Protein backbone atom coordinates (compact mmCIF):
# COMPACT_ATOMS: atom_id res chain seq x y z
CA MET A 1 6.63 163.63 284.66
CA ASN A 2 8.44 161.91 281.58
CA ILE A 3 8.49 158.66 280.41
CA GLY A 4 11.00 156.98 283.05
CA HIS A 5 8.68 157.99 286.22
CA ARG A 6 5.79 157.15 284.19
CA LEU A 7 6.98 153.57 283.53
CA ILE A 8 7.95 153.47 287.21
CA LEU A 9 4.39 154.10 288.18
CA CYS A 10 2.70 151.89 285.96
CA LEU A 11 4.78 149.19 287.90
CA ILE A 12 3.32 150.50 291.10
CA LEU A 13 -0.13 150.27 290.04
CA LEU A 14 0.26 146.61 288.47
CA ALA A 15 1.76 145.68 291.96
CA ALA A 16 -0.61 147.57 294.24
CA VAL A 17 -3.78 145.90 292.01
CA VAL A 18 -2.30 141.91 292.24
CA LEU A 19 -1.23 142.56 295.95
CA SER A 20 -4.65 144.16 297.06
CA GLY A 21 -6.63 141.60 294.98
CA CYS A 22 -4.66 138.83 296.66
CA ALA A 23 -5.74 140.41 300.13
CA GLY A 24 -9.24 140.89 299.67
CA PHE A 25 -10.01 137.24 297.90
CA HIS A 26 -7.80 135.77 300.93
CA PHE A 27 -9.49 137.89 303.66
CA LEU A 28 -13.03 138.03 302.21
CA GLU A 29 -13.41 134.63 300.86
CA HIS A 30 -11.01 132.78 303.00
CA TRP A 31 -9.11 131.21 299.80
CA GLY A 32 -6.00 130.10 299.80
CA TRP A 33 -3.07 132.55 298.35
CA PHE A 34 -2.93 130.66 295.45
CA ASP A 35 -6.34 130.88 294.20
CA ALA A 36 -6.53 134.65 295.72
CA PHE A 37 -3.51 134.84 293.11
CA TYR A 38 -4.90 133.10 290.08
CA MET A 39 -8.45 134.90 290.85
CA THR A 40 -6.96 138.32 290.56
CA LEU A 41 -4.99 137.98 287.37
CA THR A 42 -7.49 136.16 285.35
CA THR A 43 -9.61 139.69 286.71
CA MET A 44 -7.07 141.86 285.60
CA THR A 45 -6.10 140.21 282.18
CA THR A 46 -9.98 140.07 282.01
CA ILE A 47 -9.86 136.48 280.35
CA GLY A 48 -12.88 135.53 281.71
CA TYR A 49 -12.60 131.73 283.11
CA GLY A 50 -14.94 132.40 285.52
CA GLU A 51 -14.88 132.27 289.61
CA ILE A 52 -12.46 129.83 290.92
CA HIS A 53 -15.18 129.40 294.07
CA PRO A 54 -18.63 131.01 294.33
CA LEU A 55 -17.85 134.58 295.21
CA SER A 56 -20.05 136.23 298.49
CA HIS A 57 -21.91 139.84 297.74
CA ALA A 58 -19.51 141.20 299.65
CA GLY A 59 -16.60 139.22 297.13
CA ARG A 60 -18.57 140.46 294.12
CA ILE A 61 -18.72 144.08 295.40
CA PHE A 62 -15.03 144.00 295.80
CA ASN A 63 -14.04 142.03 292.62
CA SER A 64 -16.11 144.67 290.47
CA PHE A 65 -13.91 147.61 292.34
CA LEU A 66 -10.84 145.23 291.02
CA ILE A 67 -11.99 145.13 287.60
CA VAL A 68 -12.46 148.87 287.55
CA PHE A 69 -8.73 149.23 288.91
CA ALA A 70 -7.22 146.42 286.80
CA VAL A 71 -8.57 147.84 283.64
CA PHE A 72 -7.48 151.60 284.15
CA SER A 73 -4.15 150.57 285.73
CA GLY A 74 -3.59 148.04 282.63
CA GLY A 75 -4.72 150.84 280.00
CA PHE A 76 -2.05 153.13 282.01
CA THR A 77 0.45 150.58 281.38
CA ILE A 78 -0.03 149.98 277.38
CA ALA A 79 -0.57 153.63 276.55
CA THR A 80 2.57 154.13 278.82
CA VAL A 81 4.90 151.51 277.11
CA THR A 82 3.60 152.38 273.60
CA GLN A 83 4.57 155.93 274.29
CA ALA A 84 7.85 155.04 275.37
CA LEU A 85 8.32 152.52 272.21
CA LEU A 86 7.55 154.91 269.81
CA GLN A 87 9.82 158.07 271.48
CA PHE A 88 12.51 155.48 271.76
CA GLU A 89 12.17 154.53 268.04
CA PHE A 90 11.36 158.13 266.64
CA GLY A 91 14.72 159.28 268.88
CA LYS A 92 16.76 156.74 266.78
CA ALA A 93 14.91 157.98 263.70
CA PHE A 94 15.49 161.56 264.61
CA GLY A 95 19.07 160.86 265.73
CA ARG A 96 19.86 159.28 262.32
CA ARG A 97 18.51 162.19 260.38
CA ARG A 98 20.11 164.59 262.40
CA MET A 99 23.60 162.43 261.68
CA GLU A 100 23.32 162.54 258.30
CA ARG A 101 22.27 166.09 258.12
CA GLU A 102 25.34 166.72 259.96
CA LEU A 103 27.57 164.20 257.66
CA ALA A 104 26.11 165.88 254.45
CA LYS A 105 27.61 169.54 255.14
CA LEU A 106 30.69 168.34 256.99
CA SER A 107 34.05 169.69 254.97
CA GLY A 108 37.19 170.37 256.59
CA HIS A 109 37.02 167.62 258.98
CA TYR A 110 38.85 164.10 260.48
CA ILE A 111 37.67 160.60 259.86
CA ILE A 112 38.98 158.41 262.99
CA CYS A 113 38.77 154.69 262.44
CA GLY A 114 38.18 153.21 265.91
CA ALA A 115 36.51 154.70 269.09
CA GLY A 116 38.90 153.00 271.40
CA ARG A 117 41.17 154.56 274.01
CA VAL A 118 43.42 156.14 271.18
CA GLY A 119 40.98 157.03 268.76
CA ARG A 120 38.86 158.67 272.07
CA THR A 121 41.71 160.67 273.07
CA VAL A 122 42.36 162.11 269.48
CA ALA A 123 38.91 162.93 269.18
CA ARG A 124 38.97 165.07 272.57
CA GLU A 125 42.20 166.68 271.75
CA LEU A 126 40.79 167.80 268.39
CA ARG A 127 37.06 168.76 269.50
CA ALA A 128 39.05 171.00 272.00
CA ARG A 129 40.64 173.27 269.64
CA GLY A 130 37.55 173.53 267.56
CA GLN A 131 37.72 170.58 264.74
CA ASN A 132 34.73 168.59 263.38
CA VAL A 133 35.52 165.00 263.92
CA VAL A 134 33.75 161.83 262.28
CA PHE A 135 34.23 158.13 264.07
CA ILE A 136 33.90 154.73 261.89
CA GLU A 137 33.54 151.79 264.47
CA LYS A 138 32.05 148.61 263.88
CA ASP A 139 31.57 147.55 267.74
CA ALA A 140 27.99 149.19 268.92
CA GLY A 141 28.80 149.87 272.05
CA ARG A 142 31.70 152.47 271.13
CA ALA A 143 29.58 153.49 268.35
CA GLU A 144 26.87 153.92 271.12
CA TRP A 145 30.03 156.08 273.28
CA ALA A 146 30.44 158.21 270.07
CA ALA A 147 26.66 158.99 269.88
CA ASN A 148 26.04 160.21 273.36
CA GLU A 149 29.56 162.48 273.12
CA LYS A 150 27.52 164.33 270.34
CA ILE A 151 29.86 162.76 267.80
CA PRO A 152 28.64 161.67 264.05
CA VAL A 153 29.44 157.77 264.21
CA ILE A 154 29.62 155.25 260.97
CA LEU A 155 28.91 151.69 262.43
CA GLY A 156 30.71 149.50 260.30
CA ASN A 157 34.01 148.44 258.80
CA ALA A 158 36.83 151.59 258.18
CA SER A 159 37.94 149.46 255.25
CA SER A 160 34.75 149.48 253.48
CA GLU A 161 34.71 151.57 250.80
CA ASP A 162 31.22 153.07 251.33
CA CYS A 163 31.74 153.36 254.87
CA LEU A 164 34.55 155.70 253.93
CA LYS A 165 32.15 157.70 251.15
CA HIS A 166 29.94 158.07 253.75
CA ALA A 167 31.92 159.47 256.25
CA ARG A 168 32.85 162.42 253.17
CA ILE A 169 36.83 161.41 252.74
CA ASP A 170 36.57 163.33 249.54
CA THR A 171 36.35 166.62 252.00
CA ALA A 172 38.24 165.70 254.94
CA LYS A 173 41.10 166.96 256.15
CA GLY A 174 42.94 164.35 258.22
CA PHE A 175 42.45 160.29 258.49
CA VAL A 176 43.48 158.61 261.68
CA ALA A 177 43.10 154.76 261.28
CA ALA A 178 43.39 153.59 265.34
CA VAL A 179 41.61 150.41 265.24
CA SER A 180 43.56 148.21 267.73
CA SER A 181 45.31 145.57 264.85
CA ASP A 182 47.76 146.64 262.88
CA PRO A 183 46.72 144.37 259.50
CA GLU A 184 43.29 146.32 259.75
CA ASN A 185 44.97 149.53 259.98
CA LEU A 186 47.10 148.54 257.14
CA TYR A 187 43.91 147.10 255.14
CA ILE A 188 42.30 150.63 256.10
CA VAL A 189 45.32 152.80 254.98
CA LEU A 190 45.20 150.95 251.86
CA THR A 191 42.00 151.96 251.37
CA ALA A 192 41.63 155.71 252.18
CA ARG A 193 44.91 156.43 250.27
CA GLY A 194 43.06 154.68 247.09
CA PHE A 195 40.79 157.56 247.36
CA ARG A 196 43.01 160.35 247.94
CA SER A 197 46.90 160.91 247.45
CA ASP A 198 47.32 164.23 249.50
CA LEU A 199 45.40 163.31 252.10
CA LYS A 200 47.13 163.55 255.94
CA ILE A 201 46.65 159.41 257.12
CA ILE A 202 48.13 159.01 260.50
CA ALA A 203 48.25 155.50 261.60
CA ARG A 204 48.92 153.54 264.97
CA ALA A 205 50.85 150.46 265.26
CA SER A 206 51.36 148.04 267.71
CA GLU A 207 54.01 145.97 266.55
CA GLU A 208 57.19 147.96 265.74
CA GLU A 209 57.71 145.51 262.17
CA ALA A 210 53.94 147.21 260.83
CA THR A 211 55.28 150.74 260.94
CA SER A 212 57.47 149.93 257.74
CA LYS A 213 54.14 148.29 256.53
CA LEU A 214 52.09 151.15 256.88
CA LEU A 215 54.31 153.63 255.52
CA ARG A 216 54.70 151.53 252.44
CA ALA A 217 50.97 151.39 252.30
CA GLY A 218 50.42 155.57 252.05
CA ALA A 219 50.85 156.58 255.62
CA SER A 220 51.56 160.28 256.07
CA GLU A 221 53.16 159.00 259.84
CA VAL A 222 52.99 156.02 262.13
CA LEU A 223 52.94 156.02 265.78
CA SER A 224 53.18 153.54 268.71
CA PRO A 225 51.33 153.83 271.59
CA TYR A 226 54.02 151.48 273.54
CA PHE A 227 57.04 153.54 271.54
CA PHE A 228 56.06 156.71 273.79
CA VAL A 229 55.12 155.06 276.85
CA GLY A 230 58.74 152.92 276.98
CA SER A 231 60.29 156.92 275.70
CA ARG A 232 58.31 159.09 278.36
CA ILE A 233 59.28 156.58 281.00
CA ALA A 234 63.22 156.70 279.92
CA GLN A 235 62.83 160.40 280.14
CA LEU A 236 61.03 160.84 283.47
CA LEU A 237 64.21 158.80 284.38
CA LEU A 238 66.94 161.00 282.37
CA ARG A 239 65.09 164.45 282.12
CA PRO A 240 61.96 164.70 284.68
CA ASN A 241 62.50 168.64 284.60
CA VAL A 242 62.31 168.90 280.92
CA LEU A 243 58.97 166.78 280.88
CA ASP A 244 57.69 169.03 284.03
CA PHE A 245 58.06 171.75 281.47
CA ILE A 246 56.37 170.52 279.18
CA ASP A 247 53.43 169.16 280.91
CA ALA A 248 53.03 172.35 282.10
CA ALA A 249 52.68 173.83 279.33
CA PHE A 250 50.82 171.52 277.10
CA GLY A 251 49.36 169.08 279.54
CA THR A 252 46.03 168.63 281.11
CA ASP A 253 46.62 171.73 283.58
CA ARG A 254 48.26 173.07 280.65
CA LEU A 255 49.10 177.41 280.91
CA ASP A 256 48.19 179.51 277.86
CA VAL A 257 50.78 178.39 275.89
CA GLU A 258 50.67 176.00 272.84
CA ILE A 259 52.85 175.53 269.48
CA GLY A 260 51.06 176.19 266.19
CA GLU A 261 51.71 176.52 262.58
CA VAL A 262 51.35 179.36 260.46
CA ARG A 263 51.06 178.99 256.75
CA ILE A 264 52.51 181.70 254.31
CA GLU A 265 49.93 182.68 251.90
CA PRO A 266 51.29 183.57 248.41
CA LYS A 267 50.09 187.23 248.52
CA SER A 268 50.68 187.75 252.18
CA LEU A 269 53.33 190.92 253.35
CA LEU A 270 55.81 188.67 254.77
CA VAL A 271 56.54 187.07 251.80
CA GLY A 272 60.09 187.69 250.98
CA LYS A 273 60.62 189.58 254.53
CA LYS A 274 63.48 188.52 256.92
CA LEU A 275 62.40 187.01 260.03
CA GLY A 276 64.05 189.83 261.56
CA ASP A 277 62.70 192.33 259.66
CA ALA A 278 59.48 190.88 260.09
CA ALA A 279 59.40 192.32 263.68
CA ILE A 280 57.07 189.18 263.88
CA ARG A 281 58.08 189.00 267.89
CA GLN A 282 57.35 192.81 268.34
CA GLN A 283 53.79 192.46 266.88
CA ALA A 284 52.64 189.23 267.52
CA ASP A 285 55.08 188.54 270.68
CA ALA A 286 55.18 184.84 269.25
CA ILE A 287 58.74 182.99 269.32
CA ILE A 288 59.34 181.30 266.03
CA LEU A 289 60.69 177.60 266.59
CA GLY A 290 61.16 176.28 262.89
CA VAL A 291 60.67 177.45 259.37
CA LYS A 292 59.10 174.40 256.79
CA PRO A 293 59.30 175.53 253.56
CA ALA A 294 56.64 174.22 250.72
CA GLU A 295 59.48 171.77 249.59
CA GLY A 296 62.40 170.47 252.05
CA THR A 297 63.22 169.80 255.42
CA LEU A 298 62.43 171.63 258.34
CA LEU A 299 64.72 174.51 259.34
CA PHE A 300 64.89 174.67 263.26
CA ASN A 301 65.79 177.63 265.33
CA PRO A 302 66.28 179.54 262.41
CA VAL A 303 68.58 182.62 261.92
CA PRO A 304 66.68 186.62 261.86
CA GLU A 305 68.27 186.75 258.51
CA THR A 306 66.44 183.79 257.22
CA VAL A 307 63.67 184.68 254.77
CA ILE A 308 60.00 184.12 254.30
CA ARG A 309 58.88 182.54 251.10
CA ALA A 310 55.33 181.89 249.96
CA ASN A 311 53.67 178.47 251.06
CA ASP A 312 56.39 178.63 254.01
CA THR A 313 55.11 177.30 257.17
CA LEU A 314 55.97 178.93 260.46
CA ILE A 315 56.42 176.79 263.84
CA VAL A 316 55.52 178.90 266.96
CA ILE A 317 54.97 178.68 270.10
CA GLY A 318 52.98 181.59 272.06
CA ALA A 319 49.72 182.15 273.65
CA ASP A 320 46.46 181.51 271.88
CA THR A 321 46.17 185.43 271.40
CA GLN A 322 49.52 185.51 270.17
CA LEU A 323 49.16 182.90 267.81
CA LYS A 324 45.83 184.84 266.30
CA ARG A 325 47.95 187.46 266.06
CA LEU A 326 50.29 186.37 264.46
CA GLU A 327 47.68 184.55 261.40
CA THR A 328 46.57 188.01 260.84
CA LEU A 329 49.89 189.40 260.21
CA ALA A 330 50.25 186.22 257.59
CA SER A 331 47.19 187.10 256.02
CA ALA A 332 47.47 190.56 255.83
CA THR A 333 47.83 191.68 251.69
CA ALA A 334 48.52 195.08 250.42
CA GLN A 335 44.51 195.57 249.69
CA SER A 336 44.04 193.99 253.54
CA GLY A 337 46.50 196.17 255.39
CA SER A 338 49.84 197.08 255.81
CA PHE A 339 53.11 195.75 257.19
CA ARG A 340 55.26 197.85 259.70
């Protein structure tokens, strides 16, 4: 029997003792209902005010049994409530310790500031792809949602340096400022950028004029939910079939297709090869959509003569297994394997 069922049983026992006591004194001693209720309460609480009216022999026998049952039910209730409080406190303490251990081990994770609708969606998408996520949220209700989802959460202001240190911003892979207030996001971005100049920071903007300010504050990218909603509505009107394809491939009920990126390591056997010579399509069966050099602009739909260089990033589309094969191919070196 869990603690919740035991608490319900306690309430039933106490109610049964009170009702039995009232009924016994009323029908055996012919007392009024209030006097019977008052006598029952004084008996259950062992206050010892004495008898309201003289008790008959039958009344004293009944009261003796009432005392025994009252003491038993009261003791059981006190023990159960004490156990519930201890479990609650221990649960919170162990939960905090577990979260602290998880935070201490984190590296290469994503910090999300704000557990609202946008932040939750980001967290679901990242976790669905096997990424570690940490929330910073100042609202206790939203922080509780994150805790219930088994996501480490820090209750506090995301613009606080202590909170950012606690979230291990020094080892984070990415940072998302997704609170609903543009001024708060601006201050959060400024604080986060002060910690690390190389951190990728994505910020949410509600107002159009906030975009440029967030970029100047240090955001790598700024996105507006309202802009995307408006753009999607226009695309649904103008290009519905294109969006149907995108939703089928990448939506909630998506096909086994995704767009990914594969970084070419300096020692990779692909370095110096042409896209056509590398036979990437034949070995990995993935379609290359673009090449992003370490320095320079993205090259869309590259020709087969494009040379693969160290630290290039290939933008590819394919199934998850195809992307993994391409990652294996890109990481192959002279010592680890051969290139055909």
